């Protein structure tokens, strides 16, 4: 009986991760990615917390309201910068209008958060764009899984390294 309980617990915990999907579009456009300019977001998005309902048949998950713009949550830009530098890419963070001229690609991101005992990452999209801003080079998207009540408290510190590794694969 104990083995069954451990097996069920292991399966439950293993299924508590979100998904990361990555696509590369223009691999020949900029093969040497050495310098990045990270465009710091002006807003994060936030999904307001809603209680579900407990019924005799189980728990009913509430339908989320659309995400609302909020002040920037977390330090996603700093985590992206640290991870790029860990891979040997010089990175700078700034605003869209302050872009320098000497860089190989732009990093843009959008983050969506929700509350569950603490702020957790619901969705994160990171895109590598050509220096002129015209071509999408690669894009990676993290989504918390469908049953949002059972999760491993995703944060940029947990998800960004996986995403950057996927984006930089040759």
N, C-alpha and C. Protein backbone atom coordinates (compact mmCIF):
# COMPACT_ATOMS: atom_id res chain seq x y z
N UNK A 1 0.82 -1.20 0.00
CA UNK A 1 0.00 0.00 0.00
C UNK A 1 0.88 1.27 0.00
N UNK A 2 1.95 1.22 0.78
CA UNK A 2 2.85 2.37 0.88
C UNK A 2 3.46 2.69 -0.49
N UNK A 3 3.82 1.65 -1.25
CA UNK A 3 4.40 1.86 -2.57
C UNK A 3 3.42 2.54 -3.51
N UNK A 4 2.17 2.19 -3.43
CA UNK A 4 1.13 2.81 -4.27
C UNK A 4 1.00 4.29 -3.93
N UNK A 5 1.01 4.61 -2.64
CA UNK A 5 0.91 6.01 -2.22
C UNK A 5 2.11 6.80 -2.74
N UNK A 6 3.32 6.23 -2.62
CA UNK A 6 4.52 6.91 -3.13
C UNK A 6 4.47 7.09 -4.64
N UNK A 7 3.98 6.09 -5.34
CA UNK A 7 3.88 6.17 -6.79
C UNK A 7 2.89 7.25 -7.20
N UNK A 8 1.75 7.29 -6.54
CA UNK A 8 0.75 8.33 -6.85
C UNK A 8 1.29 9.72 -6.53
N UNK A 9 1.99 9.85 -5.41
CA UNK A 9 2.59 11.13 -5.05
C UNK A 9 3.63 11.56 -6.08
N UNK A 10 4.47 10.64 -6.52
CA UNK A 10 5.48 10.94 -7.54
C UNK A 10 4.83 11.37 -8.85
N UNK A 11 3.80 10.70 -9.28
CA UNK A 11 3.09 11.07 -10.51
C UNK A 11 2.46 12.45 -10.37
N UNK A 12 1.88 12.71 -9.20
CA UNK A 12 1.25 14.01 -8.96
C UNK A 12 2.28 15.13 -9.04
N UNK A 13 3.43 14.96 -8.37
CA UNK A 13 4.46 15.99 -8.37
C UNK A 13 5.12 16.14 -9.73
N UNK A 14 5.26 15.07 -10.47
CA UNK A 14 5.87 15.14 -11.80
C UNK A 14 4.98 15.87 -12.78
N UNK A 15 3.69 15.90 -12.54
CA UNK A 15 2.77 16.55 -13.47
C UNK A 15 2.53 18.00 -13.11
N UNK A 16 3.29 18.55 -12.19
CA UNK A 16 3.05 19.90 -11.70
C UNK A 16 3.93 20.95 -12.36
N UNK A 17 4.39 20.70 -13.55
CA UNK A 17 5.23 21.67 -14.24
C UNK A 17 4.47 22.24 -15.42
N UNK A 18 4.84 23.44 -15.81
CA UNK A 18 4.24 24.03 -17.00
C UNK A 18 4.94 23.51 -18.25
N UNK A 19 4.58 24.09 -19.37
CA UNK A 19 5.19 23.66 -20.62
C UNK A 19 5.96 24.82 -21.25
N UNK A 20 7.05 24.48 -21.92
CA UNK A 20 7.84 25.46 -22.67
C UNK A 20 7.84 25.02 -24.12
N UNK A 21 7.43 25.93 -25.00
CA UNK A 21 7.47 25.66 -26.44
C UNK A 21 8.35 26.72 -27.09
N UNK A 22 9.29 26.25 -27.92
CA UNK A 22 10.26 27.15 -28.54
C UNK A 22 10.30 26.91 -30.04
N UNK A 23 10.40 28.01 -30.78
CA UNK A 23 10.53 27.92 -32.24
C UNK A 23 11.60 28.91 -32.69
N UNK A 24 12.44 28.48 -33.62
CA UNK A 24 13.45 29.36 -34.22
C UNK A 24 13.04 29.61 -35.66
N UNK A 25 13.11 30.88 -36.09
CA UNK A 25 12.60 31.25 -37.40
C UNK A 25 13.68 31.64 -38.39
N UNK A 26 14.65 32.41 -37.95
CA UNK A 26 15.65 32.97 -38.85
C UNK A 26 17.05 32.59 -38.40
N UNK A 27 17.38 31.31 -38.39
CA UNK A 27 18.69 30.89 -37.87
C UNK A 27 19.84 31.43 -38.72
N UNK A 28 19.63 31.61 -40.01
CA UNK A 28 20.72 32.10 -40.86
C UNK A 28 20.84 33.63 -40.82
N UNK A 29 19.87 34.32 -40.26
CA UNK A 29 19.88 35.78 -40.27
C UNK A 29 20.95 36.36 -39.35
N UNK A 30 21.27 35.69 -38.26
CA UNK A 30 22.24 36.23 -37.32
C UNK A 30 22.89 35.08 -36.54
N UNK A 31 23.81 34.36 -37.17
CA UNK A 31 24.37 33.17 -36.52
C UNK A 31 25.22 33.47 -35.29
N UNK A 32 25.86 34.61 -35.23
CA UNK A 32 26.73 34.95 -34.11
C UNK A 32 26.01 35.93 -33.17
N UNK A 33 25.39 35.38 -32.14
CA UNK A 33 24.68 36.21 -31.17
C UNK A 33 25.61 36.47 -29.99
N UNK A 34 26.20 37.67 -29.97
CA UNK A 34 27.16 38.00 -28.92
C UNK A 34 26.71 39.14 -28.03
N UNK A 35 25.89 40.05 -28.58
CA UNK A 35 25.44 41.21 -27.82
C UNK A 35 23.92 41.33 -27.93
N UNK A 36 23.27 41.45 -26.77
CA UNK A 36 21.80 41.54 -26.75
C UNK A 36 21.36 42.82 -26.06
N UNK A 37 20.24 43.33 -26.54
CA UNK A 37 19.60 44.47 -25.89
C UNK A 37 18.23 43.99 -25.41
N UNK A 38 18.04 43.98 -24.11
CA UNK A 38 16.78 43.51 -23.53
C UNK A 38 15.88 44.71 -23.33
N UNK A 39 14.72 44.68 -23.99
CA UNK A 39 13.75 45.76 -23.85
C UNK A 39 12.91 45.45 -22.61
N UNK A 40 13.13 46.23 -21.56
CA UNK A 40 12.41 46.03 -20.31
C UNK A 40 10.94 46.38 -20.50
N UNK A 41 10.08 45.52 -20.03
CA UNK A 41 8.66 45.74 -20.20
C UNK A 41 8.18 46.93 -19.36
N UNK A 42 7.17 47.61 -19.84
CA UNK A 42 6.61 48.74 -19.10
C UNK A 42 5.51 48.28 -18.15
N UNK A 43 4.90 47.14 -18.45
CA UNK A 43 3.82 46.60 -17.63
C UNK A 43 3.91 45.08 -17.61
N UNK A 44 3.47 44.49 -16.53
CA UNK A 44 3.20 43.06 -16.49
C UNK A 44 1.70 42.91 -16.62
N UNK A 45 1.24 41.68 -16.78
CA UNK A 45 -0.20 41.43 -16.76
C UNK A 45 -0.48 40.59 -15.52
N UNK A 46 -1.69 40.75 -14.99
CA UNK A 46 -2.07 40.09 -13.75
C UNK A 46 -3.47 39.51 -13.89
N UNK A 47 -3.62 38.24 -13.52
CA UNK A 47 -4.93 37.59 -13.51
C UNK A 47 -5.42 37.58 -12.07
N UNK A 48 -6.55 38.22 -11.82
CA UNK A 48 -7.08 38.31 -10.46
C UNK A 48 -7.49 36.94 -9.93
N UNK A 49 -7.26 36.75 -8.65
CA UNK A 49 -7.59 35.49 -7.98
C UNK A 49 -9.10 35.34 -7.86
N UNK A 50 -9.58 34.14 -8.11
CA UNK A 50 -10.99 33.81 -7.92
C UNK A 50 -11.07 32.47 -7.20
N UNK A 51 -12.00 32.37 -6.27
CA UNK A 51 -12.21 31.10 -5.57
C UNK A 51 -13.02 30.17 -6.46
N UNK A 52 -12.69 28.89 -6.41
CA UNK A 52 -13.49 27.88 -7.08
C UNK A 52 -14.61 27.43 -6.14
N UNK A 53 -15.28 26.38 -6.52
CA UNK A 53 -16.37 25.87 -5.69
C UNK A 53 -16.13 24.41 -5.37
N UNK A 54 -16.39 24.07 -4.11
CA UNK A 54 -16.30 22.67 -3.70
C UNK A 54 -17.72 22.11 -3.74
N UNK A 55 -17.89 21.05 -4.49
CA UNK A 55 -19.19 20.40 -4.62
C UNK A 55 -19.06 18.95 -4.14
N UNK A 56 -20.17 18.26 -3.98
CA UNK A 56 -20.08 16.84 -3.60
C UNK A 56 -19.34 16.00 -4.64
N UNK A 57 -19.20 16.51 -5.85
CA UNK A 57 -18.55 15.78 -6.94
C UNK A 57 -17.10 16.19 -7.15
N UNK A 58 -16.61 17.13 -6.36
CA UNK A 58 -15.23 17.57 -6.48
C UNK A 58 -15.13 19.08 -6.53
N UNK A 59 -13.94 19.55 -6.82
CA UNK A 59 -13.65 20.98 -6.89
C UNK A 59 -13.88 21.49 -8.31
N UNK A 60 -14.61 22.59 -8.44
CA UNK A 60 -14.82 23.21 -9.76
C UNK A 60 -13.88 24.40 -9.90
N UNK A 61 -13.00 24.33 -10.85
CA UNK A 61 -12.03 25.39 -11.10
C UNK A 61 -12.75 26.59 -11.73
N UNK A 62 -12.50 27.80 -11.23
CA UNK A 62 -13.15 28.98 -11.83
C UNK A 62 -12.54 29.32 -13.19
N UNK A 63 -13.32 29.95 -14.03
CA UNK A 63 -12.82 30.43 -15.32
C UNK A 63 -12.11 31.76 -15.06
N UNK A 64 -10.91 31.89 -15.58
CA UNK A 64 -10.14 33.13 -15.38
C UNK A 64 -10.76 34.30 -16.11
N UNK A 65 -10.70 35.46 -15.47
CA UNK A 65 -11.01 36.71 -16.16
C UNK A 65 -9.80 37.06 -17.01
N UNK A 66 -9.98 37.91 -18.02
CA UNK A 66 -8.81 38.31 -18.82
C UNK A 66 -7.76 39.00 -17.94
N UNK A 67 -6.51 38.84 -18.31
CA UNK A 67 -5.41 39.48 -17.57
C UNK A 67 -5.52 41.00 -17.73
N UNK A 68 -5.17 41.70 -16.65
CA UNK A 68 -5.18 43.16 -16.66
C UNK A 68 -3.75 43.68 -16.59
N UNK A 69 -3.51 44.83 -17.18
CA UNK A 69 -2.18 45.46 -17.08
C UNK A 69 -1.96 45.88 -15.63
N UNK A 70 -0.74 45.73 -15.16
CA UNK A 70 -0.38 46.14 -13.82
C UNK A 70 1.04 46.69 -13.84
N UNK A 71 1.49 47.17 -12.70
CA UNK A 71 2.89 47.59 -12.64
C UNK A 71 3.77 46.36 -12.84
N UNK A 72 5.02 46.57 -13.15
CA UNK A 72 5.94 45.47 -13.41
C UNK A 72 6.04 44.59 -12.17
N UNK A 73 5.89 43.30 -12.38
CA UNK A 73 5.98 42.32 -11.30
C UNK A 73 7.27 41.53 -11.50
N UNK A 74 8.02 41.37 -10.44
CA UNK A 74 9.23 40.56 -10.51
C UNK A 74 10.39 41.26 -11.20
N UNK A 75 11.43 40.48 -11.46
CA UNK A 75 12.66 41.00 -12.07
C UNK A 75 13.03 40.16 -13.30
N UNK A 76 12.07 39.91 -14.14
CA UNK A 76 12.26 39.03 -15.30
C UNK A 76 13.40 39.52 -16.19
N UNK A 77 13.50 40.83 -16.42
CA UNK A 77 14.56 41.35 -17.29
C UNK A 77 15.94 41.04 -16.73
N UNK A 78 16.11 41.15 -15.43
CA UNK A 78 17.40 40.86 -14.80
C UNK A 78 17.73 39.37 -14.90
N UNK A 79 16.74 38.52 -14.74
CA UNK A 79 16.97 37.08 -14.84
C UNK A 79 17.35 36.73 -16.28
N UNK A 80 16.70 37.33 -17.28
CA UNK A 80 17.06 37.09 -18.68
C UNK A 80 18.50 37.53 -18.93
N UNK A 81 18.86 38.71 -18.43
CA UNK A 81 20.24 39.22 -18.60
C UNK A 81 21.26 38.26 -17.99
N UNK A 82 21.02 37.83 -16.76
CA UNK A 82 21.95 36.91 -16.09
C UNK A 82 22.10 35.60 -16.87
N UNK A 83 20.99 35.10 -17.39
CA UNK A 83 21.03 33.82 -18.11
C UNK A 83 21.76 33.97 -19.45
N UNK A 84 21.54 35.08 -20.17
CA UNK A 84 22.27 35.30 -21.42
C UNK A 84 23.77 35.41 -21.14
N UNK A 85 24.14 36.13 -20.09
CA UNK A 85 25.55 36.28 -19.75
C UNK A 85 26.16 34.95 -19.33
N UNK A 86 25.38 34.09 -18.71
CA UNK A 86 25.86 32.75 -18.35
C UNK A 86 26.22 31.96 -19.61
N UNK A 87 25.59 32.30 -20.74
CA UNK A 87 25.87 31.64 -22.02
C UNK A 87 26.87 32.44 -22.87
N UNK A 88 27.54 33.43 -22.27
CA UNK A 88 28.58 34.17 -22.97
C UNK A 88 28.08 35.31 -23.85
N UNK A 89 26.85 35.75 -23.66
CA UNK A 89 26.29 36.85 -24.45
C UNK A 89 26.25 38.10 -23.59
N UNK A 90 26.90 39.17 -24.05
CA UNK A 90 26.87 40.45 -23.36
C UNK A 90 25.47 41.04 -23.50
N UNK A 91 24.84 41.43 -22.39
CA UNK A 91 23.46 41.91 -22.45
C UNK A 91 23.31 43.22 -21.68
N UNK A 92 22.45 44.08 -22.20
CA UNK A 92 22.11 45.34 -21.55
C UNK A 92 20.59 45.44 -21.49
N UNK A 93 20.08 46.06 -20.43
CA UNK A 93 18.64 46.25 -20.25
C UNK A 93 18.33 47.73 -20.44
N UNK A 94 17.25 48.02 -21.15
CA UNK A 94 16.84 49.40 -21.32
C UNK A 94 15.43 49.51 -21.84
N UNK A 95 15.02 50.71 -22.13
CA UNK A 95 13.68 50.97 -22.66
C UNK A 95 13.70 50.93 -24.18
N UNK A 96 12.55 50.77 -24.77
CA UNK A 96 12.43 50.64 -26.23
C UNK A 96 13.06 51.82 -26.97
N UNK A 97 12.85 53.02 -26.55
CA UNK A 97 13.36 54.19 -27.25
C UNK A 97 14.84 54.47 -27.05
N UNK A 98 15.48 53.78 -26.12
CA UNK A 98 16.88 54.04 -25.79
C UNK A 98 17.84 53.03 -26.40
N UNK A 99 17.44 52.32 -27.45
CA UNK A 99 18.25 51.25 -28.01
C UNK A 99 19.56 51.76 -28.59
N UNK A 100 20.69 51.15 -28.19
CA UNK A 100 21.96 51.50 -28.81
C UNK A 100 22.03 50.89 -30.20
N UNK A 101 23.06 51.22 -30.95
CA UNK A 101 23.17 50.72 -32.32
C UNK A 101 24.02 49.45 -32.44
N UNK A 102 24.87 49.19 -31.48
CA UNK A 102 25.82 48.09 -31.61
C UNK A 102 25.38 46.86 -30.81
N UNK A 103 24.43 46.10 -31.35
CA UNK A 103 24.01 44.85 -30.74
C UNK A 103 23.54 43.90 -31.83
N UNK A 104 23.54 42.60 -31.52
CA UNK A 104 23.22 41.58 -32.52
C UNK A 104 21.74 41.20 -32.56
N UNK A 105 21.05 41.37 -31.44
CA UNK A 105 19.62 41.05 -31.42
C UNK A 105 18.93 41.74 -30.24
N UNK A 106 17.63 41.85 -30.35
CA UNK A 106 16.78 42.45 -29.32
C UNK A 106 16.07 41.30 -28.61
N UNK A 107 15.94 41.42 -27.30
CA UNK A 107 15.15 40.45 -26.52
C UNK A 107 13.93 41.19 -25.99
N UNK A 108 12.76 40.68 -26.35
CA UNK A 108 11.51 41.23 -25.85
C UNK A 108 10.81 40.15 -25.03
N UNK A 109 10.06 40.56 -24.02
CA UNK A 109 9.33 39.57 -23.23
C UNK A 109 8.02 40.15 -22.73
N UNK A 110 7.08 39.26 -22.48
CA UNK A 110 5.79 39.61 -21.88
C UNK A 110 5.53 38.60 -20.77
N UNK A 111 5.15 39.09 -19.59
CA UNK A 111 4.89 38.19 -18.48
C UNK A 111 3.49 38.38 -17.92
N UNK A 112 2.86 37.27 -17.55
CA UNK A 112 1.54 37.28 -16.93
C UNK A 112 1.65 36.52 -15.62
N UNK A 113 1.07 37.09 -14.58
CA UNK A 113 1.18 36.56 -13.23
C UNK A 113 -0.20 36.30 -12.65
N UNK A 114 -0.23 35.49 -11.59
CA UNK A 114 -1.44 35.26 -10.80
C UNK A 114 -1.03 35.06 -9.35
N UNK A 115 -2.01 35.12 -8.46
CA UNK A 115 -1.74 34.96 -7.03
C UNK A 115 -2.16 33.56 -6.60
N UNK A 116 -1.30 32.88 -5.83
CA UNK A 116 -1.65 31.62 -5.20
C UNK A 116 -0.72 31.46 -3.99
N UNK A 117 -1.05 32.07 -2.90
CA UNK A 117 -0.25 32.16 -1.68
C UNK A 117 0.96 33.06 -1.88
N UNK A 118 1.37 33.26 -3.09
CA UNK A 118 2.40 34.22 -3.48
C UNK A 118 2.23 34.42 -4.99
N UNK A 119 2.93 35.40 -5.55
CA UNK A 119 2.84 35.62 -6.99
C UNK A 119 3.51 34.47 -7.72
N UNK A 120 2.82 33.94 -8.73
CA UNK A 120 3.40 32.89 -9.55
C UNK A 120 3.29 33.28 -11.01
N UNK A 121 4.20 32.78 -11.80
CA UNK A 121 4.24 33.05 -13.23
C UNK A 121 3.21 32.18 -13.94
N UNK A 122 2.28 32.79 -14.63
CA UNK A 122 1.26 32.06 -15.37
C UNK A 122 1.69 31.83 -16.82
N UNK A 123 2.31 32.86 -17.40
CA UNK A 123 2.74 32.80 -18.80
C UNK A 123 3.92 33.74 -18.99
N UNK A 124 4.90 33.30 -19.77
CA UNK A 124 6.04 34.14 -20.12
C UNK A 124 6.41 33.86 -21.56
N UNK A 125 6.55 34.92 -22.31
CA UNK A 125 6.97 34.80 -23.71
C UNK A 125 8.25 35.61 -23.87
N UNK A 126 9.29 34.96 -24.40
CA UNK A 126 10.56 35.63 -24.69
C UNK A 126 10.81 35.51 -26.18
N UNK A 127 11.11 36.64 -26.83
CA UNK A 127 11.35 36.64 -28.28
C UNK A 127 12.70 37.27 -28.58
N UNK A 128 13.44 36.65 -29.50
CA UNK A 128 14.66 37.22 -30.04
C UNK A 128 14.28 37.84 -31.39
N UNK A 129 14.63 39.12 -31.55
CA UNK A 129 14.26 39.87 -32.75
C UNK A 129 15.53 40.45 -33.37
N UNK A 130 15.53 40.58 -34.69
CA UNK A 130 16.69 41.15 -35.38
C UNK A 130 16.93 42.59 -34.91
N UNK A 131 18.16 43.10 -35.06
CA UNK A 131 18.48 44.45 -34.57
C UNK A 131 17.60 45.55 -35.16
N UNK A 132 17.12 45.36 -36.38
CA UNK A 132 16.25 46.38 -36.97
C UNK A 132 14.80 46.24 -36.51
N UNK A 133 14.51 45.20 -35.74
CA UNK A 133 13.16 45.00 -35.23
C UNK A 133 12.19 44.40 -36.23
N UNK A 134 12.68 43.99 -37.38
CA UNK A 134 11.82 43.52 -38.46
C UNK A 134 11.57 42.01 -38.47
N UNK A 135 12.56 41.21 -38.05
CA UNK A 135 12.44 39.75 -38.17
C UNK A 135 12.44 39.09 -36.80
N UNK A 136 11.52 38.16 -36.61
CA UNK A 136 11.50 37.34 -35.43
C UNK A 136 12.49 36.20 -35.63
N UNK A 137 13.53 36.13 -34.79
CA UNK A 137 14.55 35.11 -34.91
C UNK A 137 14.15 33.82 -34.18
N UNK A 138 13.59 33.98 -32.98
CA UNK A 138 13.18 32.82 -32.19
C UNK A 138 12.21 33.29 -31.11
N UNK A 139 11.37 32.37 -30.67
CA UNK A 139 10.40 32.71 -29.63
C UNK A 139 10.18 31.49 -28.74
N UNK A 140 10.13 31.72 -27.44
CA UNK A 140 9.87 30.66 -26.48
C UNK A 140 8.73 31.11 -25.57
N UNK A 141 7.80 30.20 -25.30
CA UNK A 141 6.64 30.53 -24.47
C UNK A 141 6.49 29.50 -23.36
N UNK A 142 6.40 29.98 -22.13
CA UNK A 142 6.08 29.14 -20.98
C UNK A 142 4.62 29.36 -20.63
N UNK A 143 3.89 28.27 -20.42
CA UNK A 143 2.51 28.33 -19.94
C UNK A 143 2.36 27.40 -18.77
N UNK A 144 1.72 27.89 -17.72
CA UNK A 144 1.38 27.00 -16.63
C UNK A 144 0.36 26.03 -17.21
N UNK A 145 0.29 24.83 -16.72
CA UNK A 145 -0.59 23.82 -17.31
C UNK A 145 -2.05 24.13 -17.01
N UNK A 146 -2.95 23.38 -17.62
CA UNK A 146 -4.39 23.65 -17.54
C UNK A 146 -4.93 23.66 -16.12
N UNK A 147 -4.56 22.71 -15.28
CA UNK A 147 -5.05 22.68 -13.91
C UNK A 147 -4.18 23.60 -13.07
N UNK A 148 -4.49 24.88 -13.08
CA UNK A 148 -3.65 25.89 -12.46
C UNK A 148 -3.58 25.77 -10.94
N UNK A 149 -4.47 25.00 -10.35
CA UNK A 149 -4.47 24.85 -8.89
C UNK A 149 -3.35 23.92 -8.42
N UNK A 150 -2.84 23.08 -9.30
CA UNK A 150 -1.78 22.14 -8.93
C UNK A 150 -0.53 22.53 -9.71
N UNK A 151 0.39 23.21 -9.04
CA UNK A 151 1.58 23.71 -9.75
C UNK A 151 2.78 23.68 -8.83
N UNK A 152 3.94 23.98 -9.38
CA UNK A 152 5.18 24.00 -8.61
C UNK A 152 5.67 25.42 -8.35
N UNK A 153 4.75 26.38 -8.25
CA UNK A 153 5.06 27.79 -8.01
C UNK A 153 6.10 28.31 -8.98
N UNK A 154 5.77 28.36 -10.29
CA UNK A 154 6.74 28.81 -11.29
C UNK A 154 7.12 30.28 -11.10
N UNK A 155 8.39 30.56 -11.35
CA UNK A 155 8.95 31.90 -11.27
C UNK A 155 9.90 32.09 -12.44
N UNK A 156 10.29 33.33 -12.75
CA UNK A 156 11.29 33.53 -13.80
C UNK A 156 12.61 32.82 -13.49
N UNK A 157 12.98 32.74 -12.21
CA UNK A 157 14.22 32.06 -11.84
C UNK A 157 14.20 30.58 -12.23
N UNK A 158 13.02 29.97 -12.23
CA UNK A 158 12.90 28.56 -12.59
C UNK A 158 12.73 28.37 -14.10
N UNK A 159 11.99 29.25 -14.77
CA UNK A 159 11.60 29.03 -16.16
C UNK A 159 12.53 29.66 -17.19
N UNK A 160 13.09 30.85 -16.91
CA UNK A 160 13.93 31.54 -17.88
C UNK A 160 15.15 30.72 -18.30
N UNK A 161 15.87 30.06 -17.37
CA UNK A 161 17.03 29.26 -17.83
C UNK A 161 16.65 28.20 -18.86
N UNK A 162 15.53 27.52 -18.66
CA UNK A 162 15.09 26.51 -19.64
C UNK A 162 14.79 27.17 -20.98
N UNK A 163 14.12 28.32 -20.94
CA UNK A 163 13.72 29.01 -22.16
C UNK A 163 14.94 29.53 -22.94
N UNK A 164 15.88 30.15 -22.24
CA UNK A 164 17.09 30.67 -22.90
C UNK A 164 17.89 29.52 -23.51
N UNK A 165 18.01 28.43 -22.79
CA UNK A 165 18.73 27.26 -23.32
C UNK A 165 18.08 26.80 -24.63
N UNK A 166 16.75 26.75 -24.67
CA UNK A 166 16.04 26.36 -25.88
C UNK A 166 16.25 27.37 -27.01
N UNK A 167 16.18 28.65 -26.68
CA UNK A 167 16.34 29.70 -27.68
C UNK A 167 17.73 29.71 -28.31
N UNK A 168 18.75 29.35 -27.54
CA UNK A 168 20.12 29.39 -28.04
C UNK A 168 20.60 28.10 -28.67
N UNK A 169 19.80 27.06 -28.66
CA UNK A 169 20.22 25.79 -29.28
C UNK A 169 20.53 26.04 -30.75
N UNK A 170 21.59 25.40 -31.20
CA UNK A 170 21.99 25.55 -32.61
C UNK A 170 21.47 24.40 -33.40
